[in-house]
Amino acid sequence: MNLKQPAPKDPAKSASKADPSMSNSDHCLSILAQGVSRCVPEIDSPLFKAFQTNIDSLAQKFQPGLPNEEKMTLAHSVLDEFESYRKNSEVALREQLACWRSVTAMLLDELLNKHGISPKATAVSLLVERIKLLTTTSEIQEWRRNVNDFFHPVDRINPADEFAAKLHATDNSTTNDNPSGLRGGGAAIEHLRKLMEDKRDGFIALFYLNCLDVIGMRFGLEAVEDCLMTVASSFTARLHSEDSVYHWSDSTMLAIILGRPGEMLLAAELDRIVAQNRESTIKIAGRSVMLRIPITFELVPIHRLHSPEDLYCISDHQTAIL
């Protein structure tokens, strides 16, 4: 049996076959640098794109046959890029967090103003202050639940409904300690009672200030009070001296009008008065602001009423429609 001995390996050829594997190691460094950069979180889009571009540029410099000194220099450059991106990302993250806190506080303040709620109230001020302290996901979620519970409480009506209820609540007082400076609805009932006992003829005019809820939510209760005072002053000045104007609620004025020949002529007279009151200038935060106030009115002859208390039925019916 003739067995051939294997020919000895040529060292030169062995070395030449090993060269590709050596170049592959350089290629692995390039792929490793690019691959690791893809695992970095994108905190800021422009910053992240610049980081990826720099890493890709450095990765392409790992060419076959590159001296070890240059490889080490490139490796340090890659590490410097990662360190620079980490520091810049932390700065960007802090700035973003500060901006979001500021935006959240601003939106909360707008929401409070819309509902006519003072930001200085204890429960509200705590919510605002906590915005500055939120750092973890659980803290943010808890704060969100607290805000939701404040505006949508289980055991009471929300602030918007509470404000609307207060706005339409009948003023039963007989004094003039309300924001309009007029006597309350209680005085109107007593005056109407005397007129009905004396069988005096006349009209009841209910003036509905339809926009006060919007003004209150936008500018606060002080703006509502200024509107009431402005409109009340105008009504008092333009009606006859024997007429009486009352504060029926924060969205309604009531006038008892005497000595008019008929409903149509009185309606025309009140249309002119209402037209002159649709725009009012009030002071808000130290500056003059002109507000357009839509006003509607309802006329009821006194002889149609069975008792002075029927005024409550008239106003409740109109409020339900509004």
Protein backbone atom coordinates (compact mmCIF):
# COMPACT_ATOMS: atom_id res chain seq x y z
CA MET A 1 0.00 0.00 0.00
CA ASN A 2 1.51 3.20 -1.14
CA LEU A 3 0.60 6.03 1.23
CA LYS A 4 1.57 9.57 0.34
CA GLN A 5 2.82 11.72 3.11
CA PRO A 6 1.04 15.10 3.36
CA ALA A 7 3.13 17.90 1.96
CA PRO A 8 4.47 20.29 4.62
CA LYS A 9 2.62 23.59 4.90
CA ASP A 10 4.29 26.61 3.42
CA PRO A 11 4.65 29.22 6.22
CA ALA A 12 4.39 32.04 3.68
CA LYS A 13 1.11 30.68 2.32
CA SER A 14 -0.24 30.17 5.84
CA ALA A 15 0.52 33.78 6.68
CA SER A 16 -1.17 35.00 3.51
CA LYS A 17 -4.31 33.02 4.37
CA ALA A 18 -4.34 34.56 7.85
CA ASP A 19 -4.28 38.14 6.52
CA PRO A 20 -8.01 38.27 5.73
CA SER A 21 -8.81 37.27 9.31
CA MET A 22 -6.62 40.08 10.54
CA SER A 23 -8.48 42.60 8.36
CA ASN A 24 -11.75 41.18 9.69
CA SER A 25 -10.76 42.25 13.19
CA ASP A 26 -10.53 45.84 12.00
CA HIS A 27 -13.93 45.48 10.37
CA CYS A 28 -15.34 44.11 13.64
CA LEU A 29 -14.20 47.26 15.45
CA SER A 30 -16.06 49.36 12.90
CA ILE A 31 -19.25 47.29 13.24
CA LEU A 32 -18.96 47.28 17.04
CA ALA A 33 -18.69 51.08 17.23
CA GLN A 34 -21.67 51.57 14.95
CA GLY A 35 -23.73 48.85 16.66
CA VAL A 36 -23.20 50.14 20.19
CA SER A 37 -24.15 53.67 19.10
CA ARG A 38 -27.52 52.35 17.92
CA CYS A 39 -28.33 51.26 21.48
CA VAL A 40 -28.00 54.79 22.86
CA PRO A 41 -31.37 56.43 23.76
CA GLU A 42 -32.47 59.39 21.66
CA ILE A 43 -32.96 62.23 24.17
CA ASP A 44 -32.66 65.14 21.76
CA SER A 45 -33.15 64.52 18.05
CA PRO A 46 -30.51 66.96 16.62
CA LEU A 47 -28.01 65.93 19.30
CA PHE A 48 -28.61 62.23 18.58
CA LYS A 49 -28.20 62.67 14.81
CA ALA A 50 -24.90 64.54 15.28
CA PHE A 51 -23.67 61.78 17.60
CA GLN A 52 -24.55 59.04 15.08
CA THR A 53 -22.84 60.94 12.26
CA ASN A 54 -19.61 61.33 14.29
CA ILE A 55 -19.59 57.64 15.29
CA ASP A 56 -20.18 56.51 11.69
CA SER A 57 -17.33 58.74 10.53
CA LEU A 58 -14.94 57.31 13.13
CA ALA A 59 -16.04 53.72 12.42
CA GLN A 60 -15.12 54.07 8.74
CA LYS A 61 -11.55 54.91 9.72
CA PHE A 62 -10.91 51.39 11.05
CA GLN A 63 -9.24 50.23 7.83
CA PRO A 64 -7.21 47.02 7.30
CA GLY A 65 -3.53 47.38 8.16
CA LEU A 66 -4.07 50.40 10.41
CA PRO A 67 -1.24 50.68 12.97
CA ASN A 68 -2.18 49.80 16.54
CA GLU A 69 -1.38 53.32 17.77
CA GLU A 70 -3.92 54.80 15.38
CA LYS A 71 -6.46 52.13 16.33
CA MET A 72 -6.10 53.12 19.98
CA THR A 73 -6.45 56.80 19.09
CA LEU A 74 -9.65 56.06 17.16
CA ALA A 75 -10.99 53.90 20.02
CA HIS A 76 -10.40 56.78 22.47
CA SER A 77 -12.15 59.14 20.05
CA VAL A 78 -15.17 56.81 19.99
CA LEU A 79 -15.23 56.76 23.79
CA ASP A 80 -14.98 60.57 23.88
CA GLU A 81 -18.00 60.81 21.55
CA PHE A 82 -20.04 58.56 23.86
CA GLU A 83 -19.00 60.58 26.92
CA SER A 84 -19.79 63.88 25.19
CA TYR A 85 -23.21 62.59 24.12
CA ARG A 86 -23.95 61.43 27.68
CA LYS A 87 -23.15 64.85 29.17
CA ASN A 88 -25.03 66.79 26.49
CA SER A 89 -28.03 64.44 26.82
CA GLU A 90 -28.20 65.00 30.57
CA VAL A 91 -28.22 68.77 30.02
CA ALA A 92 -30.92 68.43 27.32
CA LEU A 93 -33.02 66.17 29.56
CA ARG A 94 -32.87 68.67 32.44
CA GLU A 95 -33.88 71.51 30.12
CA GLN A 96 -36.77 69.48 28.69
CA LEU A 97 -37.97 68.60 32.19
CA ALA A 98 -37.87 72.26 33.23
CA CYS A 99 -39.80 73.27 30.09
CA TRP A 100 -42.48 70.60 30.62
CA ARG A 101 -42.88 71.67 34.26
CA SER A 102 -43.29 75.28 33.15
CA VAL A 103 -45.84 74.34 30.47
CA THR A 104 -47.79 72.16 32.92
CA ALA A 105 -47.89 74.95 35.50
CA MET A 106 -49.06 77.43 32.84
CA LEU A 107 -51.83 75.11 31.59
CA LEU A 108 -52.96 74.42 35.16
CA ASP A 109 -53.09 78.17 35.83
CA GLU A 110 -55.18 78.71 32.66
CA LEU A 111 -57.53 75.91 33.71
CA LEU A 112 -57.95 77.42 37.16
CA ASN A 113 -58.70 80.84 35.67
CA LYS A 114 -61.24 79.27 33.33
CA HIS A 115 -63.08 77.82 36.31
CA GLY A 116 -62.73 80.99 38.37
CA ILE A 117 -60.57 79.27 41.00
CA SER A 118 -57.92 81.24 42.86
CA PRO A 119 -54.43 79.72 42.44
CA LYS A 120 -53.68 80.80 46.01
CA ALA A 121 -56.19 78.34 47.48
CA THR A 122 -54.45 75.79 49.70
CA ALA A 123 -55.33 72.67 47.71
CA VAL A 124 -54.43 74.37 44.43
CA SER A 125 -51.13 75.83 45.62
CA LEU A 126 -50.03 72.37 46.76
CA LEU A 127 -50.72 70.97 43.28
CA VAL A 128 -48.72 73.78 41.67
CA GLU A 129 -45.78 73.42 44.06
CA ARG A 130 -45.61 69.66 43.53
CA ILE A 131 -44.95 70.16 39.83
CA LYS A 132 -41.40 71.26 40.70
CA LEU A 133 -40.76 68.03 42.65
CA LEU A 134 -41.98 65.41 40.17
CA THR A 135 -39.12 63.19 39.00
CA THR A 136 -40.36 59.60 38.75
CA THR A 137 -43.13 58.01 36.70
CA SER A 138 -45.03 56.97 39.83
CA GLU A 139 -44.91 60.53 41.21
CA ILE A 140 -46.24 61.97 37.94
CA GLN A 141 -49.05 59.41 37.84
CA GLU A 142 -50.01 60.16 41.44
CA TRP A 143 -50.01 63.93 40.72
CA ARG A 144 -52.24 63.33 37.69
CA ARG A 145 -54.72 61.42 39.89
CA ASN A 146 -54.71 64.27 42.42
CA VAL A 147 -55.49 66.82 39.69
CA ASN A 148 -58.26 64.62 38.32
CA ASP A 149 -59.75 64.18 41.81
CA PHE A 150 -59.66 67.96 42.34
CA PHE A 151 -61.53 68.82 39.14
CA HIS A 152 -63.78 65.73 39.15
CA PRO A 153 -64.43 64.94 42.82
CA VAL A 154 -66.59 61.96 43.67
CA ASP A 155 -68.40 63.54 46.62
CA ARG A 156 -69.17 67.03 45.25
CA ILE A 157 -69.75 68.92 42.01
CA ASN A 158 -66.73 70.04 40.04
CA PRO A 159 -65.52 73.68 40.21
CA ALA A 160 -67.08 74.60 36.85
CA ASP A 161 -70.53 73.41 37.94
CA GLU A 162 -70.05 75.04 41.32
CA PHE A 163 -69.24 78.34 39.64
CA ALA A 164 -72.26 78.10 37.31
CA ALA A 165 -74.57 77.30 40.23
CA LYS A 166 -73.31 80.32 42.13
CA LEU A 167 -73.68 82.52 39.05
CA HIS A 168 -77.38 81.65 38.62
CA ALA A 169 -78.31 81.51 42.31
CA THR A 170 -81.12 83.92 43.17
CA ASP A 171 -80.16 86.83 45.40
CA ASN A 172 -82.92 86.81 48.03
CA SER A 173 -81.48 89.65 50.07
CA THR A 174 -83.05 93.08 50.44
CA THR A 175 -79.73 94.92 50.77
CA ASN A 176 -77.28 96.25 48.19
CA ASP A 177 -74.20 94.39 49.39
CA ASN A 178 -73.79 92.47 46.13
CA PRO A 179 -71.22 93.31 43.40
CA SER A 180 -73.77 95.20 41.27
CA GLY A 181 -74.49 97.75 44.00
CA LEU A 182 -78.23 97.11 43.65
CA ARG A 183 -80.67 95.76 46.18
CA GLY A 184 -81.26 92.02 45.93
CA GLY A 185 -84.22 90.00 44.68
CA GLY A 186 -85.83 89.99 48.11
CA ALA A 187 -86.40 93.73 47.79
CA ALA A 188 -87.91 93.18 44.32
CA ILE A 189 -90.41 90.67 45.74
CA GLU A 190 -91.48 93.11 48.46
CA HIS A 191 -91.83 96.03 46.01
CA LEU A 192 -93.87 93.87 43.61
CA ARG A 193 -96.09 92.75 46.49
CA LYS A 194 -97.01 96.36 47.28
CA LEU A 195 -97.70 97.14 43.62
CA MET A 196 -99.99 94.13 43.30
CA GLU A 197 -101.83 95.04 46.48
CA ASP A 198 -102.37 98.57 45.09
CA LYS A 199 -103.39 97.05 41.74
CA ARG A 200 -100.70 99.04 39.92
CA ASP A 201 -100.04 98.08 36.31
CA GLY A 202 -96.58 97.67 34.86
CA PHE A 203 -94.04 95.18 33.58
CA ILE A 204 -91.35 92.86 34.92
CA ALA A 205 -88.18 92.84 32.80
CA LEU A 206 -85.61 90.11 33.37
CA PHE A 207 -82.24 90.92 31.77
CA TYR A 208 -80.00 87.89 31.16
CA LEU A 209 -76.27 88.54 30.89
CA ASN A 210 -75.49 85.43 28.87
CA CYS A 211 -71.70 85.65 28.77
CA LEU A 212 -70.77 86.12 32.42
CA ASP A 213 -69.93 82.44 32.88
CA VAL A 214 -67.39 82.68 30.04
CA ILE A 215 -65.97 85.95 31.39
CA GLY A 216 -65.68 84.40 34.85
CA MET A 217 -63.87 81.34 33.56
CA ARG A 218 -61.53 83.46 31.44
CA PHE A 219 -60.81 86.45 33.70
CA GLY A 220 -62.07 85.42 37.16
CA LEU A 221 -64.79 86.55 39.55
CA GLU A 222 -63.49 90.11 39.79
CA ALA A 223 -64.21 90.64 36.10
CA VAL A 224 -67.75 89.31 36.60
CA GLU A 225 -68.31 91.76 39.44
CA ASP A 226 -67.04 94.67 37.32
CA CYS A 227 -69.42 93.69 34.50
CA LEU A 228 -72.36 93.53 36.90
CA MET A 229 -71.57 96.98 38.27
CA THR A 230 -71.14 98.49 34.80
CA VAL A 231 -74.40 97.04 33.42
CA ALA A 232 -76.36 97.87 36.60
CA SER A 233 -75.17 101.49 36.52
CA SER A 234 -76.20 101.82 32.88
CA PHE A 235 -79.67 100.33 33.44
CA THR A 236 -80.29 102.59 36.44
CA ALA A 237 -79.25 105.69 34.48
CA ARG A 238 -81.33 104.92 31.36
CA LEU A 239 -84.62 103.80 32.93
CA HIS A 240 -87.15 106.24 34.41
CA SER A 241 -86.89 107.45 37.97
CA GLU A 242 -90.04 105.53 39.02
CA ASP A 243 -88.59 102.30 37.63
CA SER A 244 -86.66 99.98 39.95
CA VAL A 245 -83.66 97.77 39.08
CA TYR A 246 -82.60 94.81 41.24
CA HIS A 247 -79.81 92.26 41.42
CA TRP A 248 -81.69 89.01 40.81
CA SER A 249 -78.60 86.81 40.38
CA ASP A 250 -75.04 87.21 39.13
CA SER A 251 -76.29 86.52 35.58
CA THR A 252 -79.66 88.31 35.79
CA MET A 253 -80.93 91.83 36.49
CA LEU A 254 -84.58 92.42 37.25
CA ALA A 255 -86.42 95.66 36.60
CA ILE A 256 -89.94 96.66 37.63
CA ILE A 257 -91.08 99.18 35.02
CA LEU A 258 -94.10 101.46 35.42
CA GLY A 259 -95.93 104.04 33.32
CA ARG A 260 -95.41 102.53 29.85
CA PRO A 261 -98.34 102.51 27.39
CA GLY A 262 -97.73 99.05 25.94
CA GLU A 263 -95.46 96.03 25.69
CA MET A 264 -94.29 96.68 22.12
CA LEU A 265 -93.15 100.25 22.84
CA LEU A 266 -91.41 99.11 26.02
CA ALA A 267 -89.67 96.29 24.14
CA ALA A 268 -88.33 98.81 21.62
CA GLU A 269 -87.11 101.04 24.45
CA LEU A 270 -85.32 98.13 26.17
CA ASP A 271 -83.80 97.02 22.86
CA ARG A 272 -82.08 100.40 22.64
CA ILE A 273 -80.86 100.16 26.23
CA VAL A 274 -79.54 96.63 25.69
CA ALA A 275 -77.75 97.69 22.49
CA GLN A 276 -75.93 100.41 24.44
CA ASN A 277 -74.74 97.84 27.02
CA ARG A 278 -73.36 95.13 24.77
CA GLU A 279 -69.84 96.53 25.03
CA SER A 280 -68.37 97.41 28.42
CA THR A 281 -64.87 98.48 29.38
CA ILE A 282 -63.60 97.07 32.66
CA LYS A 283 -60.26 96.89 34.45
CA ILE A 284 -58.46 93.55 34.41
CA ALA A 285 -55.00 93.27 35.99
CA GLY A 286 -54.57 97.04 35.82
CA ARG A 287 -55.47 97.44 32.14
CA SER A 288 -58.68 98.43 30.40
CA VAL A 289 -60.39 95.62 28.50
CA MET A 290 -63.49 96.00 26.36
CA LEU A 291 -65.88 93.06 26.64
CA ARG A 292 -68.87 92.33 24.46
CA ILE A 293 -71.75 91.28 26.72
CA PRO A 294 -74.72 89.65 24.98
CA ILE A 295 -77.88 90.65 26.88
CA THR A 296 -81.35 89.26 26.30
CA PHE A 297 -84.52 90.17 28.15
CA GLU A 298 -87.99 88.84 28.87
CA LEU A 299 -91.05 91.01 29.53
CA VAL A 300 -93.96 89.88 31.70
CA PRO A 301 -96.95 92.14 32.52
CA ILE A 302 -97.55 92.37 36.25
CA HIS A 303 -101.23 91.48 35.86
CA ARG A 304 -100.27 88.01 34.60
CA LEU A 305 -98.67 87.11 37.93
CA HIS A 306 -100.75 85.47 40.64
CA SER A 307 -98.27 86.33 43.37
CA PRO A 308 -94.84 88.03 43.67
CA GLU A 309 -93.25 84.60 44.15
CA ASP A 310 -94.12 83.78 40.53
CA LEU A 311 -90.92 85.64 39.65
CA TYR A 312 -88.98 82.58 40.77
CA CYS A 313 -90.86 80.42 38.26
CA ILE A 314 -90.20 82.87 35.42
CA SER A 315 -86.46 83.14 36.10
CA ASP A 316 -86.03 79.38 36.70
CA HIS A 317 -87.74 78.60 33.38
CA GLN A 318 -85.51 80.98 31.43
CA THR A 319 -82.33 79.74 33.17
CA ALA A 320 -83.19 76.15 32.19
CA ILE A 321 -83.50 77.24 28.55
CA LEU A 322 -80.15 79.06 28.67
